[in-house]
Amino acid sequence: MSQNSGVEFILTKESGNFVLRSGSQTRAPIQSGQRPILHTHPTDEFGVNSLTPSLADIDVLNAAWARNPTGPRPVSQILVGTEKPTVFRATGFEPTPKPNPNKRN
């Protein structure tokens, strides 16, 4: 779907029903409090598909874990074409720190 349309899709489970939404080239809409089961990454302007979760992808799972810290660690998947899905998990309860472009090593 993403290869043909050029946009991300996201699958969630809401009130016992599976819900599939389409988004933009770099984002898929997710309602507050929802956890993604899987989402897609379309080909970028260079013809590359990213199998790596973005910071925003991880932050959605971190927020889900923060809402239920005694529950299991949230997990989701990224589907890219016919490749094997990338499985990724929440990394903690806080949002992922954003890189500081002004910081020197």
N, C-alpha and C. Protein backbone atom coordinates (compact mmCIF):
# COMPACT_ATOMS: atom_id res chain seq x y z
N MET A 1 0.83 -1.20 0.00
CA MET A 1 0.00 0.00 0.00
C MET A 1 0.86 1.25 0.00
N SER A 2 1.86 1.30 0.90
CA SER A 2 2.71 2.49 0.98
C SER A 2 3.51 2.69 -0.29
N GLN A 3 3.94 1.59 -0.92
CA GLN A 3 4.74 1.72 -2.13
C GLN A 3 3.92 2.37 -3.25
N ASN A 4 2.64 2.05 -3.32
CA ASN A 4 1.78 2.61 -4.37
C ASN A 4 1.30 4.01 -4.05
N SER A 5 1.06 4.29 -2.78
CA SER A 5 0.47 5.58 -2.41
C SER A 5 1.51 6.61 -1.96
N GLY A 6 2.68 6.13 -1.48
CA GLY A 6 3.71 7.05 -1.01
C GLY A 6 3.45 7.62 0.38
N VAL A 7 2.52 7.02 1.13
CA VAL A 7 2.22 7.50 2.48
C VAL A 7 2.30 6.35 3.48
N GLU A 8 2.44 6.71 4.76
CA GLU A 8 2.44 5.70 5.82
C GLU A 8 1.01 5.26 6.13
N PHE A 9 0.89 4.02 6.57
CA PHE A 9 -0.35 3.49 7.10
C PHE A 9 -0.07 2.97 8.50
N ILE A 10 -1.09 3.02 9.37
CA ILE A 10 -0.93 2.55 10.74
C ILE A 10 -2.14 1.69 11.10
N LEU A 11 -1.88 0.58 11.79
CA LEU A 11 -2.93 -0.32 12.25
C LEU A 11 -2.95 -0.28 13.77
N THR A 12 -4.12 0.02 14.33
CA THR A 12 -4.31 0.02 15.78
C THR A 12 -5.52 -0.86 16.11
N LYS A 13 -5.68 -1.15 17.38
CA LYS A 13 -6.89 -1.85 17.84
C LYS A 13 -7.59 -0.92 18.80
N GLU A 14 -8.82 -0.55 18.46
CA GLU A 14 -9.59 0.42 19.24
C GLU A 14 -10.97 -0.16 19.54
N SER A 15 -11.30 -0.25 20.80
CA SER A 15 -12.61 -0.78 21.24
C SER A 15 -12.87 -2.15 20.63
N GLY A 16 -11.82 -2.98 20.55
CA GLY A 16 -11.98 -4.33 20.04
C GLY A 16 -11.96 -4.46 18.53
N ASN A 17 -11.83 -3.33 17.81
CA ASN A 17 -11.82 -3.36 16.35
C ASN A 17 -10.46 -2.94 15.82
N PHE A 18 -10.03 -3.55 14.74
CA PHE A 18 -8.81 -3.12 14.07
C PHE A 18 -9.13 -1.90 13.22
N VAL A 19 -8.28 -0.87 13.32
CA VAL A 19 -8.49 0.37 12.57
C VAL A 19 -7.23 0.66 11.76
N LEU A 20 -7.40 0.86 10.46
CA LEU A 20 -6.30 1.19 9.56
C LEU A 20 -6.45 2.64 9.10
N ARG A 21 -5.41 3.44 9.30
CA ARG A 21 -5.45 4.86 8.90
C ARG A 21 -4.28 5.14 7.96
N SER A 22 -4.50 6.07 7.04
CA SER A 22 -3.41 6.52 6.17
C SER A 22 -2.95 7.88 6.65
N GLY A 23 -1.69 8.21 6.35
CA GLY A 23 -1.12 9.48 6.79
C GLY A 23 -0.42 10.19 5.66
N SER A 24 0.75 10.74 5.97
CA SER A 24 1.56 11.44 4.98
C SER A 24 2.80 10.59 4.68
N GLN A 25 3.74 11.15 3.94
CA GLN A 25 4.95 10.41 3.60
C GLN A 25 5.78 10.09 4.83
N THR A 26 5.70 10.92 5.86
CA THR A 26 6.55 10.72 7.03
C THR A 26 5.81 10.50 8.34
N ARG A 27 4.49 10.50 8.32
CA ARG A 27 3.72 10.34 9.56
C ARG A 27 2.43 9.59 9.30
N ALA A 28 1.99 8.89 10.33
CA ALA A 28 0.67 8.26 10.29
C ALA A 28 -0.07 8.72 11.55
N PRO A 29 -1.34 9.10 11.42
CA PRO A 29 -2.06 9.62 12.58
C PRO A 29 -2.37 8.53 13.60
N ILE A 30 -2.16 8.86 14.86
CA ILE A 30 -2.53 7.93 15.93
C ILE A 30 -3.21 8.75 17.02
N GLN A 31 -4.32 8.24 17.48
CA GLN A 31 -5.08 8.92 18.52
C GLN A 31 -4.33 8.83 19.85
N SER A 32 -4.45 9.83 20.67
CA SER A 32 -3.82 9.82 21.99
C SER A 32 -4.31 8.61 22.77
N GLY A 33 -3.39 7.91 23.37
CA GLY A 33 -3.75 6.74 24.16
C GLY A 33 -3.78 5.45 23.37
N GLN A 34 -3.62 5.51 22.06
CA GLN A 34 -3.62 4.30 21.24
C GLN A 34 -2.20 3.77 21.09
N ARG A 35 -2.08 2.48 20.91
CA ARG A 35 -0.78 1.87 20.68
C ARG A 35 -0.78 1.25 19.28
N PRO A 36 0.24 1.55 18.50
CA PRO A 36 0.28 0.98 17.15
C PRO A 36 0.63 -0.50 17.17
N ILE A 37 -0.08 -1.27 16.40
CA ILE A 37 0.25 -2.68 16.22
C ILE A 37 1.35 -2.77 15.17
N LEU A 38 1.17 -2.04 14.09
CA LEU A 38 2.19 -1.96 13.06
C LEU A 38 1.94 -0.71 12.23
N HIS A 39 2.98 -0.28 11.53
CA HIS A 39 2.83 0.79 10.56
C HIS A 39 3.83 0.58 9.44
N THR A 40 3.63 1.32 8.37
CA THR A 40 4.47 1.17 7.18
C THR A 40 5.37 2.38 7.02
N HIS A 41 6.44 2.21 6.29
CA HIS A 41 7.31 3.30 5.87
C HIS A 41 7.40 3.26 4.35
N PRO A 42 6.94 4.31 3.66
CA PRO A 42 7.06 4.31 2.21
C PRO A 42 8.49 4.66 1.77
N THR A 43 8.75 4.53 0.49
CA THR A 43 10.04 4.90 -0.08
C THR A 43 10.21 6.41 0.03
N ASP A 44 11.41 6.86 0.43
CA ASP A 44 11.67 8.30 0.53
C ASP A 44 12.08 8.87 -0.83
N GLU A 45 12.46 10.14 -0.84
CA GLU A 45 12.79 10.81 -2.11
C GLU A 45 14.03 10.22 -2.79
N PHE A 46 14.81 9.41 -2.07
CA PHE A 46 15.99 8.77 -2.64
C PHE A 46 15.72 7.32 -3.03
N GLY A 47 14.46 6.89 -2.89
CA GLY A 47 14.10 5.52 -3.22
C GLY A 47 14.46 4.51 -2.15
N VAL A 48 14.65 4.98 -0.92
CA VAL A 48 15.06 4.12 0.19
C VAL A 48 13.90 3.94 1.16
N ASN A 49 13.72 2.72 1.66
CA ASN A 49 12.74 2.45 2.70
C ASN A 49 13.48 2.31 4.02
N SER A 50 13.00 2.98 5.05
CA SER A 50 13.63 2.90 6.36
C SER A 50 13.02 1.76 7.17
N LEU A 51 13.87 0.81 7.56
CA LEU A 51 13.43 -0.27 8.45
C LEU A 51 13.61 0.11 9.90
N THR A 52 14.18 1.30 10.15
CA THR A 52 14.49 1.75 11.51
C THR A 52 13.36 2.61 12.05
N PRO A 53 12.94 2.40 13.30
CA PRO A 53 11.90 3.26 13.88
C PRO A 53 12.44 4.66 14.11
N SER A 54 11.60 5.65 13.92
CA SER A 54 11.97 7.03 14.20
C SER A 54 11.85 7.29 15.70
N LEU A 55 12.38 8.42 16.16
CA LEU A 55 12.21 8.80 17.56
C LEU A 55 10.72 8.93 17.89
N ALA A 56 9.94 9.45 16.95
CA ALA A 56 8.49 9.58 17.17
C ALA A 56 7.84 8.21 17.32
N ASP A 57 8.29 7.23 16.52
CA ASP A 57 7.76 5.87 16.64
C ASP A 57 8.00 5.32 18.04
N ILE A 58 9.22 5.48 18.53
CA ILE A 58 9.58 4.98 19.86
C ILE A 58 8.83 5.74 20.95
N ASP A 59 8.68 7.05 20.77
CA ASP A 59 7.98 7.86 21.77
C ASP A 59 6.53 7.45 21.95
N VAL A 60 5.87 7.01 20.88
CA VAL A 60 4.49 6.53 21.01
C VAL A 60 4.45 5.32 21.94
N LEU A 61 5.41 4.41 21.79
CA LEU A 61 5.45 3.23 22.67
C LEU A 61 5.84 3.62 24.09
N ASN A 62 6.79 4.56 24.23
CA ASN A 62 7.19 5.02 25.57
C ASN A 62 5.99 5.63 26.30
N ALA A 63 5.18 6.41 25.59
CA ALA A 63 4.00 7.02 26.21
C ALA A 63 3.00 5.94 26.64
N ALA A 64 2.85 4.91 25.82
CA ALA A 64 1.94 3.81 26.18
C ALA A 64 2.44 3.09 27.44
N TRP A 65 3.74 2.90 27.54
CA TRP A 65 4.31 2.23 28.71
C TRP A 65 4.18 3.10 29.95
N ALA A 66 4.35 4.42 29.79
CA ALA A 66 4.21 5.35 30.92
C ALA A 66 2.77 5.34 31.45
N ARG A 67 1.79 5.14 30.57
CA ARG A 67 0.39 5.08 31.00
C ARG A 67 0.09 3.79 31.78
N ASN A 68 0.89 2.74 31.52
CA ASN A 68 0.67 1.45 32.18
C ASN A 68 2.02 0.85 32.55
N PRO A 69 2.74 1.46 33.52
CA PRO A 69 4.11 1.03 33.82
C PRO A 69 4.23 -0.37 34.40
N THR A 70 3.15 -0.94 34.92
CA THR A 70 3.23 -2.30 35.46
C THR A 70 2.88 -3.34 34.40
N GLY A 71 2.47 -2.88 33.23
CA GLY A 71 2.13 -3.79 32.14
C GLY A 71 3.36 -4.21 31.36
N PRO A 72 3.18 -5.08 30.38
CA PRO A 72 4.31 -5.52 29.58
C PRO A 72 4.86 -4.37 28.72
N ARG A 73 6.12 -4.48 28.38
CA ARG A 73 6.77 -3.46 27.55
C ARG A 73 6.11 -3.44 26.18
N PRO A 74 5.59 -2.28 25.73
CA PRO A 74 4.93 -2.20 24.43
C PRO A 74 5.87 -2.54 23.28
N VAL A 75 5.31 -3.19 22.28
CA VAL A 75 6.07 -3.59 21.10
C VAL A 75 5.24 -3.26 19.86
N SER A 76 5.90 -2.94 18.76
CA SER A 76 5.22 -2.65 17.51
C SER A 76 6.11 -3.14 16.37
N GLN A 77 5.62 -2.99 15.14
CA GLN A 77 6.37 -3.44 13.97
C GLN A 77 6.29 -2.40 12.87
N ILE A 78 7.34 -2.38 12.03
CA ILE A 78 7.36 -1.57 10.82
C ILE A 78 7.39 -2.52 9.64
N LEU A 79 6.46 -2.33 8.71
CA LEU A 79 6.43 -3.13 7.50
C LEU A 79 6.92 -2.27 6.34
N VAL A 80 7.86 -2.81 5.59
CA VAL A 80 8.39 -2.11 4.41
C VAL A 80 8.39 -3.09 3.25
N GLY A 81 7.48 -2.86 2.31
CA GLY A 81 7.40 -3.75 1.15
C GLY A 81 7.24 -5.19 1.58
N THR A 82 8.02 -6.07 0.96
CA THR A 82 7.95 -7.49 1.28
C THR A 82 9.05 -7.91 2.24
N GLU A 83 9.79 -6.93 2.79
CA GLU A 83 10.86 -7.22 3.74
C GLU A 83 10.27 -7.81 5.02
N LYS A 84 11.12 -8.51 5.77
CA LYS A 84 10.72 -9.01 7.08
C LYS A 84 10.45 -7.79 7.97
N PRO A 85 9.38 -7.79 8.77
CA PRO A 85 9.07 -6.61 9.60
C PRO A 85 10.16 -6.34 10.63
N THR A 86 10.33 -5.07 10.93
CA THR A 86 11.21 -4.65 12.02
C THR A 86 10.38 -4.58 13.29
N VAL A 87 10.78 -5.31 14.31
CA VAL A 87 10.10 -5.28 15.60
C VAL A 87 10.88 -4.33 16.50
N PHE A 88 10.17 -3.41 17.16
CA PHE A 88 10.82 -2.50 18.08
C PHE A 88 9.97 -2.36 19.33
N ARG A 89 10.62 -1.92 20.42
CA ARG A 89 9.96 -1.86 21.73
C ARG A 89 10.15 -0.49 22.36
N ALA A 90 9.32 -0.22 23.35
CA ALA A 90 9.50 0.99 24.15
C ALA A 90 10.88 0.93 24.81
N THR A 91 11.49 2.10 24.98
CA THR A 91 12.83 2.17 25.59
C THR A 91 12.79 2.70 27.01
N GLY A 92 11.65 3.20 27.45
CA GLY A 92 11.52 3.75 28.80
C GLY A 92 10.19 4.47 28.93
N PHE A 93 10.03 5.20 30.02
CA PHE A 93 8.77 5.90 30.27
C PHE A 93 8.79 7.33 29.77
N GLU A 94 9.96 7.86 29.48
CA GLU A 94 10.10 9.26 29.07
C GLU A 94 10.26 9.37 27.56
N PRO A 95 9.93 10.53 26.98
CA PRO A 95 10.21 10.73 25.55
C PRO A 95 11.70 10.62 25.27
N THR A 96 12.03 10.19 24.09
CA THR A 96 13.42 10.05 23.67
C THR A 96 14.06 11.43 23.58
N PRO A 97 15.25 11.61 24.18
CA PRO A 97 15.91 12.93 24.08
C PRO A 97 16.22 13.25 22.62
N LYS A 98 15.95 14.47 22.25
CA LYS A 98 16.24 14.93 20.89
C LYS A 98 17.71 15.33 20.79
N PRO A 99 18.37 14.98 19.68
CA PRO A 99 19.77 15.36 19.52
C PRO A 99 19.93 16.89 19.54
N ASN A 100 21.01 17.35 20.14
CA ASN A 100 21.33 18.78 20.17
C ASN A 100 22.33 19.07 19.06
N PRO A 101 21.91 19.77 17.99
CA PRO A 101 22.83 20.01 16.87
C PRO A 101 24.00 20.92 17.26
N ASN A 102 23.89 21.64 18.37
CA ASN A 102 24.95 22.56 18.77
C ASN A 102 25.98 21.92 19.70
N LYS A 103 25.69 20.71 20.15
CA LYS A 103 26.59 20.03 21.09
C LYS A 103 27.74 19.39 20.33
N ARG A 104 28.95 19.63 20.83
CA ARG A 104 30.13 19.02 20.23
C ARG A 104 30.62 17.90 21.11
N ASN A 105 31.12 16.87 20.48
CA ASN A 105 31.65 15.73 21.25
C ASN A 105 33.07 15.99 21.69
